[in-house]
Amino acid sequence: MTSESTSGWRPVLLWGLASLVAAATIVSFILWGLNGPAYLVDLIAAYCL
């Protein structure tokens, strides 16, 4: 196997990894948007009461 045959996979792997990172970031922002404010309110209420 030469380096030329494996170099074709490198961009595919990089794009796949970048897509996974982007998807994880988007999901975390969606979950924060759904649960974040309620979590913060509960946390503040727990510490203040």
C-alpha atoms as a PDB file:
ATOM      1  CA  MET A   1       0.000   0.000   0.000  1.00  0.00           C
ATOM      2  CA  THR A   2       1.412   3.366  -0.937  1.00  0.00           C
ATOM      3  CA  SER A   3       0.821   6.716   0.635  1.00  0.00           C
ATOM      4  CA  GLU A   4      -1.017   7.797  -2.500  1.00  0.00           C
ATOM      5  CA  SER A   5      -3.775   5.244  -1.939  1.00  0.00           C
ATOM      6  CA  THR A   6      -4.286   6.272   1.697  1.00  0.00           C
ATOM      7  CA  SER A   7      -4.176  10.010   1.016  1.00  0.00           C
ATOM      8  CA  GLY A   8      -7.607   9.781  -0.625  1.00  0.00           C
ATOM      9  CA  TRP A   9      -9.133   8.704   2.686  1.00  0.00           C
ATOM     10  CA  ARG A  10      -7.600  11.523   4.695  1.00  0.00           C
ATOM     11  CA  PRO A  11     -10.015  14.257   3.485  1.00  0.00           C
ATOM     12  CA  VAL A  12     -12.957  11.909   3.967  1.00  0.00           C
ATOM     13  CA  LEU A  13     -11.907  11.191   7.539  1.00  0.00           C
ATOM     14  CA  LEU A  14     -11.334  14.877   8.261  1.00  0.00           C
ATOM     15  CA  TRP A  15     -14.741  15.843   6.865  1.00  0.00           C
ATOM     16  CA  GLY A  16     -16.361  13.028   8.829  1.00  0.00           C
ATOM     17  CA  LEU A  17     -14.697  14.153  12.035  1.00  0.00           C
ATOM     18  CA  ALA A  18     -15.652  17.772  11.380  1.00  0.00           C
ATOM     19  CA  SER A  19     -19.249  16.705  10.739  1.00  0.00           C
ATOM     20  CA  LEU A  20     -19.368  14.779  14.019  1.00  0.00           C
ATOM     21  CA  VAL A  21     -17.996  17.764  15.941  1.00  0.00           C
ATOM     22  CA  ALA A  22     -20.502  20.094  14.281  1.00  0.00           C
ATOM     23  CA  ALA A  23     -23.389  17.709  15.017  1.00  0.00           C
ATOM     24  CA  ALA A  24     -22.346  17.364  18.667  1.00  0.00           C
ATOM     25  CA  THR A  25     -22.127  21.157  18.982  1.00  0.00           C
ATOM     26  CA  ILE A  26     -25.561  21.672  17.437  1.00  0.00           C
ATOM     27  CA  VAL A  27     -27.133  19.007  19.656  1.00  0.00           C
ATOM     28  CA  SER A  28     -25.557  20.542  22.762  1.00  0.00           C
ATOM     29  CA  PHE A  29     -26.923  23.982  21.854  1.00  0.00           C
ATOM     30  CA  ILE A  30     -30.394  22.501  21.249  1.00  0.00           C
ATOM     31  CA  LEU A  31     -30.329  20.701  24.602  1.00  0.00           C
ATOM     32  CA  TRP A  32     -29.089  23.841  26.330  1.00  0.00           C
ATOM     33  CA  GLY A  33     -31.894  25.808  24.712  1.00  0.00           C
ATOM     34  CA  LEU A  34     -34.482  23.268  25.893  1.00  0.00           C
ATOM     35  CA  ASN A  35     -33.151  22.532  29.383  1.00  0.00           C
ATOM     36  CA  GLY A  36     -30.636  25.270  30.123  1.00  0.00           C
ATOM     37  CA  PRO A  37     -32.823  28.070  31.482  1.00  0.00           C
ATOM     38  CA  ALA A  38     -34.904  25.698  33.605  1.00  0.00           C
ATOM     39  CA  TYR A  39     -31.731  24.122  34.963  1.00  0.00           C
ATOM     40  CA  LEU A  40     -30.293  27.530  35.848  1.00  0.00           C
ATOM     41  CA  VAL A  41     -33.505  28.614  37.588  1.00  0.00           C
ATOM     42  CA  ASP A  42     -33.578  25.383  39.604  1.00  0.00           C
ATOM     43  CA  LEU A  43     -29.911  25.781  40.508  1.00  0.00           C
ATOM     44  CA  ILE A  44     -30.377  29.368  41.670  1.00  0.00           C
ATOM     45  CA  ALA A  45     -33.490  28.429  43.643  1.00  0.00           C
ATOM     46  CA  ALA A  46     -31.642  25.557  45.321  1.00  0.00           C
ATOM     47  CA  TYR A  47     -28.818  27.830  46.425  1.00  0.00           C
ATOM     48  CA  CYS A  48     -31.023  30.739  47.489  1.00  0.00           C
ATOM     49  CA  LEU A  49     -33.708  28.834  49.396  1.00  0.00           C
END
